[in-house]
């Protein structure tokens, strides 16, 4: 009987853990990203914000976009979006971009190298 009780308790704990993590993955969506980006950059147009936030299931693209101007004060908006759209780790994306100066890469090439791979139509 004790084994059955332990198994039941273990199954219950695993169920709670599963529910907790599955719900947290749904807590952030592309609309949350749009809201974050609108508060970061009040002058961004909806088309560019949508490109940045497309399939953003975590806040990483918005965090990356916010940090891009700290790494490069003169980064054009469209390059920051190209760099950060699809980012799964803002810190690593920005660290990669920051290395571009030592490699003599221009901003566009650095964004292509360090940004998430996307198939362009």
Protein backbone atom coordinates (compact mmCIF):
# COMPACT_ATOMS: atom_id res chain seq x y z
CA UNK A 1 0.00 0.00 0.00
CA UNK A 2 2.86 2.38 0.72
CA UNK A 3 4.22 1.94 -2.81
CA UNK A 4 0.83 2.83 -4.28
CA UNK A 5 0.64 5.95 -2.08
CA UNK A 6 4.15 7.01 -3.10
CA UNK A 7 3.32 6.47 -6.75
CA UNK A 8 0.13 8.51 -6.42
CA UNK A 9 1.96 11.36 -4.69
CA UNK A 10 4.74 11.29 -7.29
CA UNK A 11 2.20 11.36 -10.13
CA UNK A 12 0.41 14.28 -8.50
CA UNK A 13 3.65 16.24 -8.09
CA UNK A 14 4.63 15.56 -11.70
CA UNK A 15 1.19 16.68 -12.84
CA UNK A 16 1.52 19.96 -10.90
CA UNK A 17 5.01 20.56 -12.34
CA UNK A 18 3.73 19.86 -15.86
CA UNK A 19 0.80 22.25 -15.46
CA UNK A 20 3.03 24.95 -14.01
CA UNK A 21 5.55 24.83 -16.83
CA UNK A 22 3.02 24.42 -19.62
CA UNK A 23 1.07 27.45 -18.40
CA UNK A 24 4.19 29.58 -18.03
CA UNK A 25 5.10 28.93 -21.66
CA UNK A 26 1.75 30.42 -22.69
CA UNK A 27 2.15 33.43 -20.44
CA UNK A 28 4.03 35.50 -23.04
CA UNK A 29 2.90 35.88 -26.62
CA UNK A 30 3.57 38.14 -29.62
CA UNK A 31 0.96 40.65 -28.40
CA UNK A 32 2.88 41.04 -25.15
CA UNK A 33 5.98 41.67 -27.25
CA UNK A 34 4.16 44.38 -29.23
CA UNK A 35 3.19 46.06 -25.95
CA UNK A 36 6.77 45.84 -24.65
CA UNK A 37 8.23 47.26 -27.86
CA UNK A 38 5.70 50.11 -27.92
CA UNK A 39 6.82 51.12 -24.43
CA UNK A 40 10.52 50.79 -25.37
CA UNK A 41 10.25 52.75 -28.64
CA UNK A 42 7.22 55.00 -28.85
CA UNK A 43 8.12 56.01 -32.42
CA UNK A 44 8.21 52.51 -33.93
CA UNK A 45 5.56 51.81 -36.55
CA UNK A 46 3.31 48.79 -36.29
CA UNK A 47 4.87 47.04 -39.30
CA UNK A 48 8.37 47.07 -37.84
CA UNK A 49 7.11 46.11 -34.39
CA UNK A 50 5.20 43.21 -35.94
CA UNK A 51 8.33 42.03 -37.76
CA UNK A 52 10.28 42.12 -34.49
CA UNK A 53 7.57 40.34 -32.50
CA UNK A 54 6.56 37.71 -35.04
CA UNK A 55 6.36 34.37 -33.17
CA UNK A 56 7.85 35.92 -30.02
CA UNK A 57 6.88 33.44 -27.32
CA UNK A 58 9.35 34.94 -24.87
CA UNK A 59 10.41 38.52 -24.07
CA UNK A 60 13.88 37.96 -25.57
CA UNK A 61 13.32 39.84 -28.88
CA UNK A 62 12.05 42.91 -26.98
CA UNK A 63 14.92 42.68 -24.48
CA UNK A 64 17.37 42.41 -27.35
CA UNK A 65 15.81 45.39 -29.13
CA UNK A 66 16.04 47.46 -25.97
CA UNK A 67 19.67 46.51 -25.44
CA UNK A 68 20.76 47.02 -29.06
CA UNK A 69 21.00 50.78 -28.65
CA UNK A 70 23.14 50.28 -25.53
CA UNK A 71 25.61 48.15 -27.51
CA UNK A 72 25.54 50.46 -30.56
CA UNK A 73 24.19 53.95 -29.91
CA UNK A 74 23.71 54.65 -33.63
CA UNK A 75 22.21 51.33 -34.75
CA UNK A 76 19.46 51.97 -37.28
CA UNK A 77 16.04 50.73 -36.18
CA UNK A 78 15.67 48.29 -39.08
CA UNK A 79 19.04 46.66 -38.31
CA UNK A 80 18.15 46.34 -34.62
CA UNK A 81 14.95 44.59 -35.70
CA UNK A 82 16.81 42.30 -38.09
CA UNK A 83 19.26 41.46 -35.31
CA UNK A 84 16.70 40.85 -32.58
CA UNK A 85 13.69 39.30 -34.33
CA UNK A 86 13.56 35.66 -33.35
CA UNK A 87 16.20 36.01 -30.64
CA UNK A 88 15.97 33.28 -28.02
CA UNK A 89 18.71 34.79 -25.85
CA UNK A 90 19.05 38.58 -25.92
CA UNK A 91 22.30 38.59 -23.98
CA UNK A 92 24.05 36.19 -26.38
CA UNK A 93 22.66 37.94 -29.46
CA UNK A 94 23.94 41.31 -28.26
CA UNK A 95 27.31 39.89 -27.18
CA UNK A 96 27.77 38.43 -30.64
CA UNK A 97 26.85 41.75 -32.25
CA UNK A 98 29.28 43.59 -29.99
CA UNK A 99 32.14 41.38 -31.26
CA UNK A 100 31.53 42.56 -34.82
CA UNK A 101 33.78 45.60 -34.36
CA UNK A 102 36.81 43.41 -33.77
CA UNK A 103 36.02 41.50 -36.98
CA UNK A 104 35.55 44.62 -39.10
CA UNK A 105 31.96 43.68 -39.95
CA UNK A 106 29.49 46.40 -40.84
CA UNK A 107 26.18 46.54 -38.96
CA UNK A 108 24.20 44.67 -41.59
CA UNK A 109 26.65 41.77 -41.75
CA UNK A 110 26.85 41.63 -37.96
CA UNK A 111 23.05 41.46 -37.75
CA UNK A 112 23.00 38.68 -40.35
CA UNK A 113 25.70 36.74 -38.51
CA UNK A 114 24.31 37.14 -34.99
CA UNK A 115 20.55 37.32 -35.62
CA UNK A 116 18.22 34.35 -35.74
CA UNK A 117 18.25 32.62 -39.11
CA UNK A 118 15.18 33.49 -41.13
CA UNK A 119 14.15 32.50 -44.60
CA UNK A 120 13.39 35.64 -46.55
CA UNK A 121 10.88 35.57 -49.39
